[in-house]
Protein backbone atom coordinates (compact mmCIF):
# COMPACT_ATOMS: atom_id res chain seq x y z
CA PRO A 1 -4.22 -35.14 7.22
CA GLY A 2 -3.80 -32.46 4.59
CA VAL A 3 -4.49 -28.76 4.55
CA ARG A 4 -6.85 -27.59 7.27
CA GLU A 5 -10.00 -25.88 6.00
CA ALA A 6 -8.92 -22.48 7.37
CA TYR A 7 -5.96 -22.54 4.97
CA MET A 8 -7.66 -24.11 1.95
CA GLY A 9 -7.65 -20.82 0.06
CA GLY A 10 -3.87 -20.62 0.34
CA VAL A 11 -1.41 -19.42 2.99
CA LEU A 12 -0.29 -15.83 2.47
CA GLY A 13 2.04 -15.27 5.43
CA ASP A 14 3.01 -11.82 6.69
CA VAL A 15 6.66 -11.44 5.63
CA ILE A 16 7.75 -11.10 2.01
CA LEU A 17 11.11 -12.74 1.28
CA VAL A 18 13.40 -11.97 -1.65
CA ASN A 19 15.98 -14.72 -2.19
CA GLY A 20 15.23 -15.84 1.37
CA ALA A 21 15.72 -12.41 3.00
CA PRO A 22 12.92 -10.21 4.41
CA TRP A 23 12.63 -6.80 2.69
CA PRO A 24 16.30 -6.63 1.63
CA GLU A 25 18.26 -3.68 0.23
CA LEU A 26 20.29 -3.96 -2.97
CA ARG A 27 22.92 -1.33 -3.73
CA VAL A 28 22.91 -0.38 -7.40
CA ALA A 29 24.77 1.93 -9.76
CA ARG A 30 23.17 4.54 -11.99
CA ALA A 31 22.83 2.01 -14.81
CA ARG A 32 20.46 -0.51 -16.35
CA TYR A 33 19.86 -3.72 -14.41
CA ARG A 34 18.31 -6.93 -15.68
CA LEU A 35 16.16 -8.55 -13.00
CA ARG A 36 14.77 -12.07 -13.26
CA LEU A 37 11.65 -12.28 -11.14
CA CYS A 38 9.85 -15.43 -10.01
CA ASN A 39 6.77 -15.51 -7.81
CA ALA A 40 7.66 -18.39 -5.48
CA SER A 41 5.00 -17.57 -2.88
CA ASN A 42 2.44 -20.15 -1.80
CA ALA A 43 -0.62 -18.22 -2.90
CA ARG A 44 0.12 -14.49 -3.02
CA VAL A 45 -0.32 -12.55 -6.26
CA TYR A 46 2.00 -9.57 -6.67
CA GLU A 47 1.40 -6.26 -8.44
CA LEU A 48 4.98 -5.03 -8.63
CA ALA A 49 5.90 -1.40 -9.25
CA THR A 50 8.84 0.95 -8.70
CA GLY A 51 7.07 4.23 -9.42
CA GLY A 52 8.88 4.39 -12.75
CA PRO A 53 8.90 2.47 -16.03
CA ILE A 54 9.70 -1.24 -16.06
CA VAL A 55 10.76 -2.78 -19.38
CA ARG A 56 9.57 -6.37 -19.66
CA ILE A 57 11.76 -8.44 -21.99
CA GLY A 58 10.82 -12.01 -21.07
CA GLY A 59 8.42 -14.32 -19.29
CA ASP A 60 7.86 -17.97 -18.43
CA GLY A 61 9.09 -19.23 -21.79
CA GLY A 62 12.04 -16.95 -22.48
CA LEU A 63 12.41 -13.70 -24.39
CA LEU A 64 9.46 -11.78 -25.79
CA ALA A 65 9.40 -10.80 -29.45
CA ALA A 66 9.91 -7.16 -28.45
CA PRO A 67 10.26 -5.23 -25.18
CA ARG A 68 7.15 -3.87 -23.47
CA THR A 69 7.24 -0.92 -21.10
CA VAL A 70 4.82 -1.17 -18.17
CA ARG A 71 4.19 0.75 -14.95
CA GLN A 72 3.34 -2.32 -12.93
CA LEU A 73 3.77 -6.05 -13.31
CA ARG A 74 1.34 -8.71 -12.11
CA LEU A 75 2.76 -12.12 -11.18
CA ALA A 76 0.68 -15.05 -9.92
CA PRO A 77 2.40 -17.97 -8.13
CA GLY A 78 4.71 -19.74 -10.56
CA GLU A 79 4.84 -16.91 -13.10
CA ARG A 80 8.17 -15.35 -14.07
CA ALA A 81 9.27 -12.11 -15.68
CA ASP A 82 12.55 -10.87 -17.09
CA VAL A 83 12.73 -7.07 -16.75
CA ILE A 84 15.05 -4.11 -17.17
CA VAL A 85 15.09 -1.27 -14.63
CA ASP A 86 17.12 1.81 -15.55
CA PHE A 87 18.53 3.45 -12.43
CA SER A 88 20.29 6.19 -14.42
CA ALA A 89 17.07 8.18 -14.02
CA TYR A 90 17.79 8.53 -10.29
CA LYS A 91 20.28 10.68 -8.38
CA LEU A 92 23.03 9.38 -6.16
CA GLY A 93 21.66 8.71 -2.69
CA GLU A 94 18.11 8.10 -3.87
CA GLN A 95 16.24 4.99 -2.80
CA VAL A 96 13.85 3.14 -5.07
CA GLU A 97 11.30 0.74 -3.63
CA LEU A 98 9.96 -2.28 -5.44
CA ARG A 99 6.49 -2.40 -3.95
CA ASN A 100 3.57 -4.80 -4.05
CA LEU A 101 0.52 -2.70 -4.91
CA ALA A 102 -1.72 -5.66 -4.07
CA GLY A 103 -0.56 -5.62 -0.43
CA GLU A 104 -0.91 -3.27 2.50
CA GLY A 105 1.54 -2.36 5.25
CA ALA A 106 4.39 -4.85 5.49
CA GLN A 107 2.90 -6.90 2.63
CA GLY A 108 3.29 -3.88 0.36
CA LYS A 109 7.07 -3.84 0.79
CA VAL A 110 9.25 -6.12 -1.34
CA LEU A 111 12.75 -4.76 -1.99
CA ARG A 112 14.66 -1.47 -1.76
CA PHE A 113 17.33 -0.34 -4.21
CA ALA A 114 19.93 2.15 -2.95
CA VAL A 115 21.54 4.15 -5.77
CA ASP A 116 25.06 4.65 -4.43
CA ARG A 117 27.50 5.09 -7.35
CA ASP A 118 28.06 6.06 -10.95
CA GLU A 119 29.12 3.39 -13.40
CA ALA A 120 29.78 3.29 -17.13
CA ASP A 121 26.86 1.69 -18.95
CA ASP A 122 26.79 1.30 -22.73
CA SER A 123 23.93 -1.23 -22.68
CA ALA A 124 20.75 -0.84 -24.72
CA VAL A 125 17.51 -2.74 -25.01
CA PRO A 126 17.08 -4.06 -28.58
CA SER A 127 13.82 -3.28 -30.34
CA ARG A 128 13.70 -6.90 -31.49
CA LEU A 129 14.42 -9.65 -28.96
CA SER A 130 13.38 -12.96 -30.51
CA THR A 131 11.09 -14.63 -33.01
CA VAL A 132 7.94 -16.07 -31.43
CA GLU A 133 5.90 -18.34 -33.68
CA ALA A 134 2.17 -17.72 -33.32
CA LEU A 135 0.40 -21.08 -33.02
CA ASP A 136 -2.68 -21.31 -35.23
CA PRO A 137 -5.73 -22.53 -33.25
CA ALA A 138 -7.41 -23.44 -36.55
CA LYS A 139 -4.88 -26.27 -36.82
CA ALA A 140 -5.85 -27.72 -33.43
CA THR A 141 -6.87 -31.37 -33.58
CA VAL A 142 -9.08 -31.07 -30.50
CA THR A 143 -10.36 -28.61 -27.89
CA ARG A 144 -10.37 -29.88 -24.31
CA ASP A 145 -12.14 -28.43 -21.27
CA PHE A 146 -10.67 -28.31 -17.77
CA ASP A 147 -12.83 -26.96 -14.96
CA PHE A 148 -11.11 -25.94 -11.71
CA SER A 149 -13.30 -25.85 -8.59
CA SER A 150 -13.65 -26.81 -4.94
CA GLY A 151 -15.69 -29.83 -3.96
CA SER A 152 -16.07 -32.93 -1.86
CA MET A 153 -13.02 -35.18 -1.51
CA HIS A 154 -12.71 -38.26 0.70
CA GLY A 155 -15.32 -36.95 3.12
CA GLY A 156 -13.82 -33.47 3.29
CA VAL A 157 -13.23 -30.49 1.03
CA GLY A 158 -10.62 -30.46 -1.71
CA TRP A 159 -9.72 -28.80 -4.97
CA LEU A 160 -10.82 -30.60 -8.12
CA ILE A 161 -10.26 -30.64 -11.88
CA ASN A 162 -13.35 -31.63 -13.88
CA GLY A 163 -15.02 -32.56 -10.60
CA ARG A 164 -12.37 -35.09 -9.54
CA PRO A 165 -9.32 -35.02 -7.25
CA PHE A 166 -5.93 -36.07 -8.53
CA ASP A 167 -5.41 -39.78 -9.11
CA PRO A 168 -1.93 -40.68 -10.39
CA LYS A 169 -3.39 -43.74 -12.10
CA ARG A 170 -5.87 -41.69 -14.16
CA THR A 171 -5.09 -39.93 -17.43
CA GLU A 172 -7.30 -36.96 -18.32
CA ALA A 173 -5.95 -36.42 -21.85
CA ARG A 174 -3.80 -38.22 -24.43
CA PRO A 175 -2.50 -35.67 -26.95
CA LYS A 176 -0.39 -36.95 -29.84
CA LEU A 177 3.23 -35.88 -30.24
CA GLY A 178 3.37 -33.02 -32.75
CA ASP A 179 -0.31 -32.11 -32.46
CA ILE A 180 -1.66 -28.66 -31.68
CA GLU A 181 -4.49 -28.54 -29.14
CA VAL A 182 -6.66 -25.84 -27.59
CA TRP A 183 -7.34 -26.18 -23.87
CA ARG A 184 -10.16 -24.19 -22.29
CA LEU A 185 -9.56 -23.52 -18.57
CA THR A 186 -12.43 -22.36 -16.34
CA SER A 187 -12.25 -21.32 -12.68
CA ASP A 188 -14.56 -20.84 -9.73
CA VAL A 189 -12.05 -18.76 -7.76
CA ALA A 190 -8.53 -17.67 -8.69
CA HIS A 191 -6.12 -20.43 -9.73
CA PRO A 192 -2.65 -20.04 -11.33
CA ILE A 193 -2.55 -22.99 -13.72
CA HIS A 194 0.77 -24.59 -14.69
CA LEU A 195 1.31 -26.99 -17.58
CA HIS A 196 4.33 -29.29 -17.54
CA LEU A 197 6.40 -30.24 -20.62
CA ASP A 198 5.41 -27.71 -23.31
CA HIS A 199 4.86 -23.98 -23.30
CA PHE A 200 1.61 -22.47 -24.54
CA GLN A 201 0.15 -19.20 -25.79
CA VAL A 202 -2.93 -17.47 -24.38
CA LEU A 203 -5.66 -17.14 -27.02
CA SER A 204 -8.39 -15.41 -25.04
CA VAL A 205 -9.53 -14.35 -21.58
CA ASN A 206 -13.32 -14.48 -21.22
CA GLY A 207 -13.53 -14.40 -25.00
CA GLU A 208 -11.25 -11.39 -25.50
CA ARG A 209 -7.82 -11.61 -27.10
CA PRO A 210 -4.90 -10.43 -24.93
CA ASP A 211 -3.04 -7.27 -25.88
CA GLY A 212 0.21 -7.53 -27.78
CA PRO A 213 1.86 -10.31 -29.78
CA PRO A 214 1.87 -13.90 -28.49
CA GLU A 215 4.39 -15.04 -25.89
CA TRP A 216 5.37 -18.44 -24.55
CA LYS A 217 4.05 -19.26 -21.09
CA ASP A 218 3.80 -22.28 -18.82
CA THR A 219 1.67 -20.68 -16.09
CA VAL A 220 -1.47 -18.59 -16.52
CA GLU A 221 -3.56 -16.89 -13.86
CA LEU A 222 -7.26 -17.71 -13.85
CA ARG A 223 -9.08 -15.05 -11.87
CA ASP A 224 -12.48 -15.56 -10.22
CA ALA A 225 -15.10 -17.06 -12.57
CA GLN A 226 -12.87 -16.75 -15.61
CA THR A 227 -12.32 -18.77 -18.77
CA VAL A 228 -8.92 -18.72 -20.47
CA GLU A 229 -8.20 -20.47 -23.75
CA ILE A 230 -4.65 -21.58 -24.44
CA VAL A 231 -3.06 -23.23 -27.46
CA THR A 232 -0.07 -25.56 -27.26
CA ARG A 233 1.88 -27.93 -29.48
CA PHE A 234 3.29 -31.12 -27.98
CA THR A 235 6.74 -31.22 -29.55
CA ASP A 236 9.18 -32.46 -26.93
CA TYR A 237 8.73 -36.00 -25.62
CA ARG A 238 6.21 -38.78 -25.25
CA GLY A 239 5.31 -39.71 -21.71
CA ARG A 240 3.23 -38.79 -18.67
CA TYR A 241 3.01 -35.22 -17.36
CA VAL A 242 0.75 -33.12 -15.15
CA LEU A 243 -1.37 -30.00 -15.21
CA HIS A 244 -1.94 -28.37 -11.82
CA CYS A 245 -2.75 -25.28 -9.81
CA HIS A 246 0.36 -23.43 -8.62
CA ASN A 247 -1.33 -22.27 -5.41
CA LEU A 248 0.50 -24.69 -3.12
CA GLU A 249 -2.46 -25.48 -0.87
CA HIS A 250 -4.74 -26.06 -3.87
CA GLU A 251 -2.16 -28.33 -5.48
CA ASP A 252 -1.56 -30.29 -2.27
CA MET A 253 -5.29 -30.78 -1.88
CA ALA A 254 -5.57 -32.57 -5.22
CA MET A 255 -5.92 -29.86 -7.89
CA MET A 256 -3.81 -31.78 -10.37
CA ALA A 257 -4.48 -33.92 -13.42
CA GLY A 258 -2.31 -36.26 -15.46
CA PHE A 259 -1.96 -36.30 -19.24
CA GLU A 260 0.07 -38.54 -21.51
CA VAL A 261 1.70 -37.56 -24.79
CA VAL A 262 1.46 -40.57 -27.11
């Protein structure tokens, strides 16, 4: 049993659902709307765009330090985004499509907004949203390596972390409560990696620092043959937790590892 080899890369499907509905329409006023987006697909990565500006105000771990205006938004499975779309820029009767630039045909369609009324709107997006503490990697007590790859598993093919399939009895790491650690994540093919318990910050992608100030995340996309360094502080609770790929078929075929905060 398990995932058949034809679907090991992840099932994409051919219909995009938004809150359970295929390609729905949402009627909106000529006003600002706050949209909370979550990529709940098995394996599909979205490049979302409306053709106009999107103001990103939050992510996996809550509000950003300051808003960021983007033209498109990439979300891997498990990633979230909190955004503002201002429909006052459109005329009554106009339709605005939220499209997936990473898809073609039906897989390029996500959601349609129909601008059908005027409405008073005195909202504004603050220039300052929150205070995000930048974790100092120089204070890390240890750097750990996690390699994500395919390989042999129980006579078949599975998805492995550090060359081994998930074993609930095995603990891959034992960080101490209150410690800061750097984790280096390396992929063979694309894997959206999700850490339970504590949020983290991305330090580097293939050795290069990401643009902008730090933000709190709990899921990060590893693209093909990529190394991402993250820094986290274990501040919440002692106990056993997991690190896993958020591609459902990869996760179900053993791409998961346990760690214990002591």
